[in-house]
Amino acid sequence: MKASVAAVLLLIARAASAQVIVNVHLAKPEFIVGEPIHVVVQVTNIGRETLWLPACCTNVNLAVPDGTRRVSPSMQSCHPIGGEIELFEGRGGGPPLIRVSPGERIGYQSLLRGYALSAGTYELIAEGSVDIRRESMDRRSYNGTVQPFSFIHILEVTIRAGSEADLLQAFAPYVAESRDRDPERRERAFDAIVETAPAFLEHIIAGFAPRSVRAIDALAVIGSRQASEHLKAVYDQPANDSQPTYALRAVARIGRREDLDFLNRVLHHAADPMDRMYAALGLGKIGGDEAVRALVDGDEHQPELVRWVITSALGNTKSPLAVDALVNRVGESSLPVSITCDALTDLTRHRWCDDSWDKDVLRRRWKRWSKTNRRNGRLFNAADGCPNFPELLPQIP
C-alpha cells in the first residue's frame, strides 16, 4: 500500500530528529462485531538523552474512513431550539510524566470511538502526537519545553461476525478489569464497556451512571425499558451536580411511551427550566395524541423559553391534534411566529409562513388549511427524515 509506505518513511524521518520512534499496531489480529477496538502506540527512545513522556493518553485520533458512524438517539425536531448540555468529564491538570531512558519503550492504548462497524476489513488511520520533554542537564528535573512528535499510521483491521457467546468471552477481561484495584485498568475497562454499550452489560453500565455522563449516554444507546428505569432512578436521586439532568436528557432521547407520565411530571413540577425543556422534547419524541395533550396542558404558566421548546416539540408528535394546537398559538405575544411556522412545517412538510408575517392573514389561512387537511393529510416527525431544502416545500395557499 503506497500510502502506508509514505507514512512509514515520514515517520522514520521525523524520528531521527526527535530521538523517538513510534510504532502503531492493533491490540489483536482481529475483532468480533461489537467488540472494543484498541490500537497500541509504542514510543521508543532511540537517542542518547533521557526523555520525559506522558504516562498515558497520547493525542491520538483514530478514524475509519469507510466505517459507519454510530448514531446517538435524538429527541430534537427538524428545527431544534437551543443546544444540548455540553458533555465534559475529565481530570484537572495533565497526565503525570515518566522518565524514559535511552533504549526504553513506553506503550499507550487508544480506543476507537464513535463507530458501529459490521463484519469486514477496514482501513484504520491512526494520527496523533506525543509530547516530549528533555531531561535538564542536572538530571534532577525535566525541561518544561514541549516538543510534540507527530505520527500517522495506516492499519488494516478485520472484524468478523460472532455469536453471543463469542462476544461474552471477548468482554470477559473488561468485566474483570472493571473491578480491578488499579485505577488505570479500571478506567480502560470502563471506557471500552460504555463506548460499545453491549445490552448484556447494562447492569454494569447502570452502576456507573450516578457518577458518569458517558455511562448515562451508553444507557441511552441501549434504550431498553430497564435502561430507562435506571436513568429515571438517577434523575430522582438527590444531587448537587448536573447528573440528574443528563439522566433526564437520556430518557427523553430514548422516548419510550412508558415514560410519558414521568416526563409529564417533570414538565409540570421540575424546578429547573432546562429539565422542563428536556421533558417537553421527550414528550414530542414519544408523540401521539396523549403526548400532545400533555404538552398543551403543561404549557400554562411556563417560562418563555420553555414555551418555545413546547411549540417545537408539538411539531415532532405526528399527531393531528398538534396541528390545531399550533394553529391556535399564532398571534401569542410570547411566541415568535417563526417558531410556530417551523413546527407546522416539521409536522406537515408544508411552508406555513411567507414574507408578509401578517398574523391575522396567517391565522385565517392556517385554519382553512387545517379544516380541510388535518384529518386526511399525512403527518411527519424527525424520525421520517428532515428535508434537505425546506424552502422548496409547497406553500400553504
Protein backbone atom coordinates (compact mmCIF):
# COMPACT_ATOMS: atom_id res chain seq x y z
CA MET A 1 0.00 0.00 0.00
CA LYS A 2 1.70 3.21 -1.25
CA ALA A 3 0.10 5.38 1.43
CA SER A 4 1.46 3.12 4.18
CA VAL A 5 4.98 3.22 2.73
CA ALA A 6 4.90 7.01 2.56
CA ALA A 7 3.62 7.23 6.12
CA VAL A 8 6.35 4.93 7.42
CA LEU A 9 9.09 6.87 5.61
CA LEU A 10 7.74 10.13 7.00
CA LEU A 11 7.61 8.65 10.50
CA ILE A 12 11.22 7.41 10.31
CA ALA A 13 12.46 10.74 9.00
CA ARG A 14 10.82 12.62 11.84
CA ALA A 15 12.06 10.13 14.42
CA ALA A 16 15.68 10.71 13.50
CA SER A 17 15.48 14.31 14.67
CA ALA A 18 13.06 13.75 17.56
CA GLN A 19 15.03 10.91 19.22
CA VAL A 20 11.97 8.70 19.35
CA ILE A 21 10.35 6.21 17.05
CA VAL A 22 6.65 5.39 17.18
CA ASN A 23 5.18 2.02 16.27
CA VAL A 24 1.42 1.59 15.97
CA HIS A 25 -0.39 -1.74 15.82
CA LEU A 26 -3.75 -3.31 16.69
CA ALA A 27 -4.22 -4.87 20.11
CA LYS A 28 -5.49 -8.08 18.45
CA PRO A 29 -5.20 -9.68 14.99
CA GLU A 30 -8.99 -9.49 14.53
CA PHE A 31 -12.11 -8.41 16.37
CA ILE A 32 -15.73 -9.54 16.70
CA VAL A 33 -18.61 -7.26 15.70
CA GLY A 34 -19.45 -5.18 18.77
CA GLU A 35 -16.10 -5.70 20.48
CA PRO A 36 -13.99 -2.71 21.58
CA ILE A 37 -11.16 -1.97 19.16
CA HIS A 38 -7.90 -0.85 20.75
CA VAL A 39 -4.83 0.46 18.99
CA VAL A 40 -1.45 0.25 20.73
CA VAL A 41 1.00 3.14 20.32
CA GLN A 42 4.58 2.29 21.33
CA VAL A 43 7.14 5.06 21.76
CA THR A 44 10.85 4.10 21.94
CA ASN A 45 13.64 6.45 22.97
CA ILE A 46 16.28 5.80 20.29
CA GLY A 47 18.52 8.73 21.25
CA ARG A 48 21.20 9.26 23.86
CA GLU A 49 19.28 11.61 26.13
CA THR A 50 16.75 10.76 28.80
CA LEU A 51 13.24 11.97 27.93
CA TRP A 52 10.08 12.67 29.89
CA LEU A 53 6.89 11.38 28.30
CA PRO A 54 3.23 11.41 29.41
CA ALA A 55 2.39 8.34 31.47
CA CYS A 56 -0.81 7.93 29.48
CA CYS A 57 -3.14 9.46 26.97
CA THR A 58 -1.30 10.36 23.79
CA ASN A 59 -3.17 12.71 21.48
CA VAL A 60 -4.36 10.09 19.01
CA ASN A 61 -7.20 10.41 16.52
CA LEU A 62 -8.48 7.10 15.16
CA ALA A 63 -10.63 7.16 12.04
CA VAL A 64 -12.17 4.55 9.72
CA PRO A 65 -13.00 6.44 6.51
CA ASP A 66 -15.34 3.73 5.17
CA GLY A 67 -16.82 2.82 8.56
CA THR A 68 -20.37 3.50 9.70
CA ARG A 69 -20.59 6.14 12.39
CA ARG A 70 -22.70 5.36 15.43
CA VAL A 71 -25.86 7.48 15.54
CA SER A 72 -26.94 8.52 19.02
CA PRO A 73 -30.68 8.71 19.70
CA SER A 74 -32.08 12.21 19.34
CA MET A 75 -35.17 13.93 20.75
CA GLN A 76 -34.89 17.03 18.56
CA SER A 77 -37.28 18.10 15.81
CA CYS A 78 -36.10 19.18 12.38
CA HIS A 79 -35.98 22.79 13.63
CA PRO A 80 -34.39 22.42 17.08
CA ILE A 81 -34.40 25.26 19.59
CA GLY A 82 -31.44 25.78 21.89
CA GLY A 83 -28.47 23.50 22.40
CA GLU A 84 -27.53 20.42 24.32
CA ILE A 85 -25.82 20.37 27.70
CA GLU A 86 -22.13 20.12 26.99
CA LEU A 87 -20.64 16.80 27.97
CA PHE A 88 -17.46 17.18 29.99
CA GLU A 89 -15.70 14.60 32.05
CA GLY A 90 -12.07 14.93 32.85
CA ARG A 91 -9.43 15.36 35.47
CA GLY A 92 -7.71 18.53 36.45
CA GLY A 93 -4.26 19.12 35.02
CA GLY A 94 -2.37 16.98 32.53
CA PRO A 95 -1.26 13.36 32.85
CA PRO A 96 1.77 12.58 35.01
CA LEU A 97 5.18 12.29 33.34
CA ILE A 98 7.52 9.32 33.41
CA ARG A 99 11.25 9.15 32.77
CA VAL A 100 12.26 7.16 29.67
CA SER A 101 15.98 6.36 29.37
CA PRO A 102 17.73 5.68 26.06
CA GLY A 103 16.55 2.35 24.64
CA GLU A 104 13.44 2.20 26.83
CA ARG A 105 9.91 1.91 25.44
CA ILE A 106 6.52 3.04 26.70
CA GLY A 107 3.17 1.89 25.36
CA TYR A 108 -0.26 3.50 25.19
CA GLN A 109 -3.68 2.13 24.23
CA SER A 110 -6.25 4.16 22.31
CA LEU A 111 -9.89 3.14 21.85
CA LEU A 112 -11.72 3.58 18.56
CA ARG A 113 -14.77 5.71 19.34
CA GLY A 114 -17.97 6.60 17.57
CA TYR A 115 -18.26 3.72 15.08
CA ALA A 116 -20.66 0.80 14.61
CA LEU A 117 -18.67 -1.47 12.30
CA SER A 118 -20.15 -4.58 10.71
CA ALA A 119 -18.13 -7.60 9.63
CA GLY A 120 -15.45 -6.84 7.04
CA THR A 121 -11.97 -5.43 6.52
CA TYR A 122 -11.36 -1.72 7.01
CA GLU A 123 -8.57 0.81 6.74
CA LEU A 124 -7.94 2.48 10.09
CA ILE A 125 -5.92 5.70 10.25
CA ALA A 126 -4.09 6.48 13.48
CA GLU A 127 -2.84 10.05 13.58
CA GLY A 128 -1.55 11.94 16.57
CA SER A 129 1.37 13.28 18.55
CA VAL A 130 3.47 12.56 21.61
CA ASP A 131 4.57 15.43 23.84
CA ILE A 132 8.30 15.04 24.60
CA ARG A 133 10.30 16.86 27.24
CA ARG A 134 14.07 16.51 27.59
CA GLU A 135 15.79 15.99 30.92
CA SER A 136 17.69 19.01 32.24
CA MET A 137 21.46 18.98 32.38
CA ASP A 138 21.49 18.48 36.18
CA ARG A 139 19.37 15.30 35.69
CA ARG A 140 17.16 16.18 38.64
CA SER A 141 14.32 17.69 36.66
CA TYR A 142 12.98 17.93 33.13
CA ASN A 143 12.92 20.77 30.63
CA GLY A 144 9.39 22.20 30.58
CA THR A 145 9.62 22.94 26.84
CA VAL A 146 7.30 20.56 25.00
CA GLN A 147 8.44 19.08 21.68
CA PRO A 148 5.44 17.39 20.05
CA PHE A 149 6.33 14.47 17.81
CA SER A 150 3.64 13.85 15.17
CA PHE A 151 2.90 10.50 13.57
CA ILE A 152 0.44 8.91 11.17
CA HIS A 153 -0.03 5.23 10.51
CA ILE A 154 -2.49 3.25 8.40
CA LEU A 155 -3.64 -0.12 9.70
CA GLU A 156 -5.86 -2.88 8.34
CA VAL A 157 -8.49 -4.04 10.82
CA THR A 158 -10.51 -7.22 10.33
CA ILE A 159 -13.88 -7.63 12.01
CA ARG A 160 -15.74 -10.94 11.88
CA ALA A 161 -19.23 -11.97 12.83
CA GLY A 162 -19.50 -13.86 16.11
CA SER A 163 -22.05 -15.48 18.37
CA GLU A 164 -23.31 -14.01 21.63
CA ALA A 165 -21.04 -16.48 23.43
CA ASP A 166 -18.06 -15.15 21.45
CA LEU A 167 -18.93 -11.59 22.42
CA LEU A 168 -19.37 -12.53 26.08
CA GLN A 169 -15.93 -14.12 26.01
CA ALA A 170 -14.43 -11.03 24.34
CA PHE A 171 -15.84 -8.79 27.08
CA ALA A 172 -14.84 -11.07 29.97
CA PRO A 173 -11.46 -9.33 30.51
CA TYR A 174 -13.13 -5.90 30.56
CA VAL A 175 -15.70 -7.07 33.10
CA ALA A 176 -12.91 -8.39 35.31
CA GLU A 177 -10.82 -5.22 34.95
CA SER A 178 -13.83 -3.01 35.74
CA ARG A 179 -13.45 -4.30 39.32
CA ASP A 180 -9.64 -4.09 39.36
CA ARG A 181 -7.86 -2.18 42.13
CA ASP A 182 -5.63 -0.48 39.55
CA PRO A 183 -7.48 2.74 38.58
CA GLU A 184 -5.85 2.83 35.13
CA ARG A 185 -7.07 -0.67 34.27
CA ARG A 186 -10.46 0.07 35.75
CA GLU A 187 -10.80 3.24 33.68
CA ARG A 188 -9.72 1.49 30.48
CA ALA A 189 -12.29 -1.26 31.04
CA PHE A 190 -14.98 1.31 31.79
CA ASP A 191 -14.16 3.22 28.59
CA ALA A 192 -14.44 0.07 26.48
CA ILE A 193 -17.73 -1.03 28.02
CA VAL A 194 -19.54 2.33 27.77
CA GLU A 195 -18.19 3.02 24.27
CA THR A 196 -19.65 -0.17 22.82
CA ALA A 197 -22.66 -0.30 25.20
CA PRO A 198 -23.50 -4.02 24.96
CA ALA A 199 -27.00 -4.69 26.26
CA PHE A 200 -25.86 -7.74 28.27
CA LEU A 201 -23.64 -5.44 30.38
CA GLU A 202 -26.43 -2.97 31.11
CA HIS A 203 -26.25 -3.77 34.84
CA ILE A 204 -22.55 -2.82 34.97
CA ILE A 205 -23.10 0.38 32.98
CA ALA A 206 -26.01 1.31 35.25
CA GLY A 207 -23.69 1.05 38.24
CA PHE A 208 -21.53 3.82 36.77
CA ALA A 209 -24.47 6.05 35.74
CA PRO A 210 -24.86 8.01 39.01
CA ARG A 211 -21.35 9.43 38.53
CA SER A 212 -20.62 9.21 34.80
CA VAL A 213 -22.20 11.02 31.86
CA ARG A 214 -20.67 8.50 29.46
CA ALA A 215 -22.47 5.68 31.26
CA ILE A 216 -25.72 7.64 31.00
CA ASP A 217 -25.21 8.07 27.26
CA ALA A 218 -24.47 4.34 26.94
CA LEU A 219 -27.79 3.52 28.62
CA ALA A 220 -29.49 5.82 26.09
CA VAL A 221 -27.86 3.84 23.28
CA ILE A 222 -29.12 0.56 24.79
CA GLY A 223 -32.57 2.14 25.03
CA SER A 224 -34.33 -0.72 26.80
CA ARG A 225 -37.12 -0.30 29.32
CA GLN A 226 -34.76 -1.34 32.10
CA ALA A 227 -32.15 1.19 30.90
CA SER A 228 -34.80 3.89 31.11
CA GLU A 229 -35.69 2.80 34.65
CA HIS A 230 -32.03 3.10 35.68
CA LEU A 231 -31.93 6.61 34.23
CA LYS A 232 -35.09 7.72 36.00
CA ALA A 233 -33.61 6.46 39.26
CA VAL A 234 -30.55 8.66 38.67
CA TYR A 235 -32.80 11.64 37.99
CA ASP A 236 -34.77 11.13 41.19
CA GLN A 237 -31.72 10.82 43.44
CA PRO A 238 -30.59 13.89 45.43
CA ALA A 239 -27.62 15.56 43.73
CA ASN A 240 -25.80 18.88 43.65
CA ASP A 241 -24.47 18.49 40.12
CA SER A 242 -25.88 18.12 36.60
CA GLN A 243 -26.03 14.32 36.68
CA PRO A 244 -29.85 14.16 37.10
CA THR A 245 -30.33 16.49 34.13
CA TYR A 246 -28.05 14.32 31.99
CA ALA A 247 -30.14 11.30 33.00
CA LEU A 248 -33.37 13.12 32.12
CA ARG A 249 -31.93 14.08 28.74
CA ALA A 250 -31.17 10.40 28.09
CA VAL A 251 -34.74 9.37 29.00
CA ALA A 252 -36.01 11.99 26.55
CA ARG A 253 -33.68 10.71 23.84
CA ILE A 254 -34.92 7.16 24.27
CA GLY A 255 -38.53 8.33 24.03
CA ARG A 256 -40.32 5.24 25.34
CA ARG A 257 -44.09 5.52 25.68
CA GLU A 258 -43.87 4.02 29.16
CA ASP A 259 -42.03 7.17 30.24
CA LEU A 260 -44.79 9.59 29.24
CA ASP A 261 -46.13 10.02 32.79
CA PHE A 262 -42.62 10.56 34.15
CA LEU A 263 -41.82 13.25 31.57
CA ASN A 264 -45.21 14.86 32.11
CA ARG A 265 -44.46 15.09 35.84
CA VAL A 266 -41.10 16.72 35.13
CA LEU A 267 -42.68 19.20 32.70
CA HIS A 268 -45.15 20.31 35.36
CA HIS A 269 -43.05 20.23 38.51
CA ALA A 270 -39.29 20.42 37.81
CA ALA A 271 -37.60 23.40 39.42
CA ASP A 272 -35.01 23.74 36.63
CA PRO A 273 -36.37 25.17 33.32
CA MET A 274 -33.76 23.09 31.47
CA ASP A 275 -35.34 19.93 32.88
CA ARG A 276 -38.76 21.11 31.72
CA MET A 277 -37.41 21.70 28.22
CA TYR A 278 -35.91 18.21 28.03
CA ALA A 279 -39.19 16.74 29.30
CA ALA A 280 -41.08 18.60 26.55
CA LEU A 281 -38.71 17.32 23.88
CA GLY A 282 -39.06 13.78 25.21
CA LEU A 283 -42.85 14.03 25.03
CA GLY A 284 -42.51 15.30 21.47
CA LYS A 285 -40.40 12.28 20.54
CA ILE A 286 -42.90 9.86 22.14
CA GLY A 287 -45.57 11.56 20.02
CA GLY A 288 -49.23 10.77 19.58
CA ASP A 289 -52.39 12.40 20.88
CA GLU A 290 -51.63 11.72 24.55
CA ALA A 291 -48.25 13.46 24.26
CA VAL A 292 -49.93 16.47 22.60
CA ARG A 293 -52.41 16.73 25.46
CA ALA A 294 -49.58 16.59 27.98
CA LEU A 295 -47.66 19.34 26.14
CA VAL A 296 -50.68 21.62 25.77
CA ASP A 297 -51.69 21.11 29.39
CA GLY A 298 -48.13 21.68 30.59
CA ASP A 299 -47.75 24.88 28.56
CA GLU A 300 -49.61 27.05 31.06
CA HIS A 301 -47.51 29.34 33.28
CA GLN A 302 -44.23 28.16 31.77
CA PRO A 303 -41.22 30.47 31.24
CA GLU A 304 -40.99 31.91 27.75
CA LEU A 305 -38.15 29.68 26.53
CA VAL A 306 -39.89 26.54 27.81
CA ARG A 307 -42.98 27.54 25.79
CA TRP A 308 -40.81 27.89 22.70
CA VAL A 309 -39.49 24.36 23.20
CA ILE A 310 -43.00 23.02 23.80
CA THR A 311 -44.02 24.57 20.46
CA SER A 312 -41.10 22.87 18.72
CA ALA A 313 -41.92 19.56 20.44
CA LEU A 314 -45.53 19.72 19.19
CA GLY A 315 -44.12 19.72 15.66
CA ASN A 316 -42.47 16.35 16.35
CA THR A 317 -45.55 14.49 17.64
CA LYS A 318 -47.01 13.34 14.30
CA SER A 319 -50.50 13.94 15.74
CA PRO A 320 -53.46 15.71 14.09
CA LEU A 321 -54.19 17.33 17.45
CA ALA A 322 -50.85 19.13 17.20
CA VAL A 323 -51.95 20.93 14.02
CA ASP A 324 -54.84 22.61 15.83
CA ALA A 325 -52.69 23.28 18.91
CA LEU A 326 -50.09 25.04 16.79
CA VAL A 327 -52.59 26.98 14.68
CA ASN A 328 -54.15 28.29 17.89
CA ARG A 329 -50.77 29.61 19.03
CA VAL A 330 -50.33 32.13 16.23
CA GLY A 331 -50.54 35.69 17.48
CA GLU A 332 -49.45 34.97 21.05
CA SER A 333 -47.07 37.73 22.06
CA SER A 334 -44.60 35.46 23.86
CA LEU A 335 -44.22 33.10 20.89
CA PRO A 336 -42.38 34.20 17.75
CA VAL A 337 -44.43 33.31 14.68
CA SER A 338 -41.33 31.79 13.07
CA ILE A 339 -41.12 29.07 15.76
CA THR A 340 -44.76 28.11 15.21
CA CYS A 341 -44.21 28.13 11.44
CA ASP A 342 -41.20 25.84 11.77
CA ALA A 343 -43.14 23.42 13.98
CA LEU A 344 -46.01 23.25 11.48
CA THR A 345 -43.53 22.73 8.66
CA ASP A 346 -41.94 19.84 10.57
CA LEU A 347 -45.36 18.32 11.10
CA THR A 348 -46.86 18.71 7.62
CA ARG A 349 -43.90 19.25 5.27
CA HIS A 350 -45.53 22.44 4.00
CA ARG A 351 -44.35 26.03 4.38
CA TRP A 352 -46.77 27.95 6.56
CA CYS A 353 -45.28 31.46 6.53
CA ASP A 354 -44.46 33.93 3.79
CA ASP A 355 -42.86 37.36 3.72
CA SER A 356 -45.94 39.19 4.97
CA TRP A 357 -45.92 37.89 8.59
CA ASP A 358 -49.46 39.28 8.96
CA LYS A 359 -50.81 37.25 11.90
CA ASP A 360 -54.47 37.76 11.02
CA VAL A 361 -53.89 36.62 7.45
CA LEU A 362 -51.86 33.66 8.62
CA ARG A 363 -54.47 32.64 11.17
CA ARG A 364 -57.27 32.60 8.55
CA ARG A 365 -55.11 30.73 6.07
CA TRP A 366 -53.97 28.17 8.61
CA LYS A 367 -57.47 27.48 9.94
CA ARG A 368 -58.75 26.99 6.40
CA TRP A 369 -55.99 24.51 5.55
CA SER A 370 -56.36 22.72 8.90
CA LYS A 371 -60.11 22.28 8.47
CA THR A 372 -59.62 20.71 5.05
CA ASN A 373 -56.49 18.62 5.59
CA ARG A 374 -55.96 17.97 9.32
CA ARG A 375 -57.55 14.52 9.42
CA ASN A 376 -56.59 13.24 5.97
CA GLY A 377 -53.19 14.83 5.36
CA ARG A 378 -50.02 12.85 6.06
CA LEU A 379 -48.06 14.00 9.09
CA PHE A 380 -44.35 13.64 9.83
CA ASN A 381 -41.72 13.77 12.56
CA ALA A 382 -37.93 13.89 12.66
CA ALA A 383 -37.70 10.09 12.50
CA ASP A 384 -39.09 10.30 8.95
CA GLY A 385 -36.06 12.38 7.94
CA CYS A 386 -35.71 16.13 7.65
CA PRO A 387 -35.98 17.92 4.28
CA ASN A 388 -32.63 18.99 2.86
CA PHE A 389 -34.21 22.03 1.18
CA PRO A 390 -37.23 23.15 3.28
CA GLU A 391 -37.53 26.30 1.20
CA LEU A 392 -38.67 24.09 -1.73
CA LEU A 393 -41.60 22.59 0.20
CA PRO A 394 -45.09 23.54 -1.05
CA GLN A 395 -46.56 26.74 0.38
CA ILE A 396 -49.88 26.71 2.27
CA PRO A 397 -52.30 28.57 -0.10
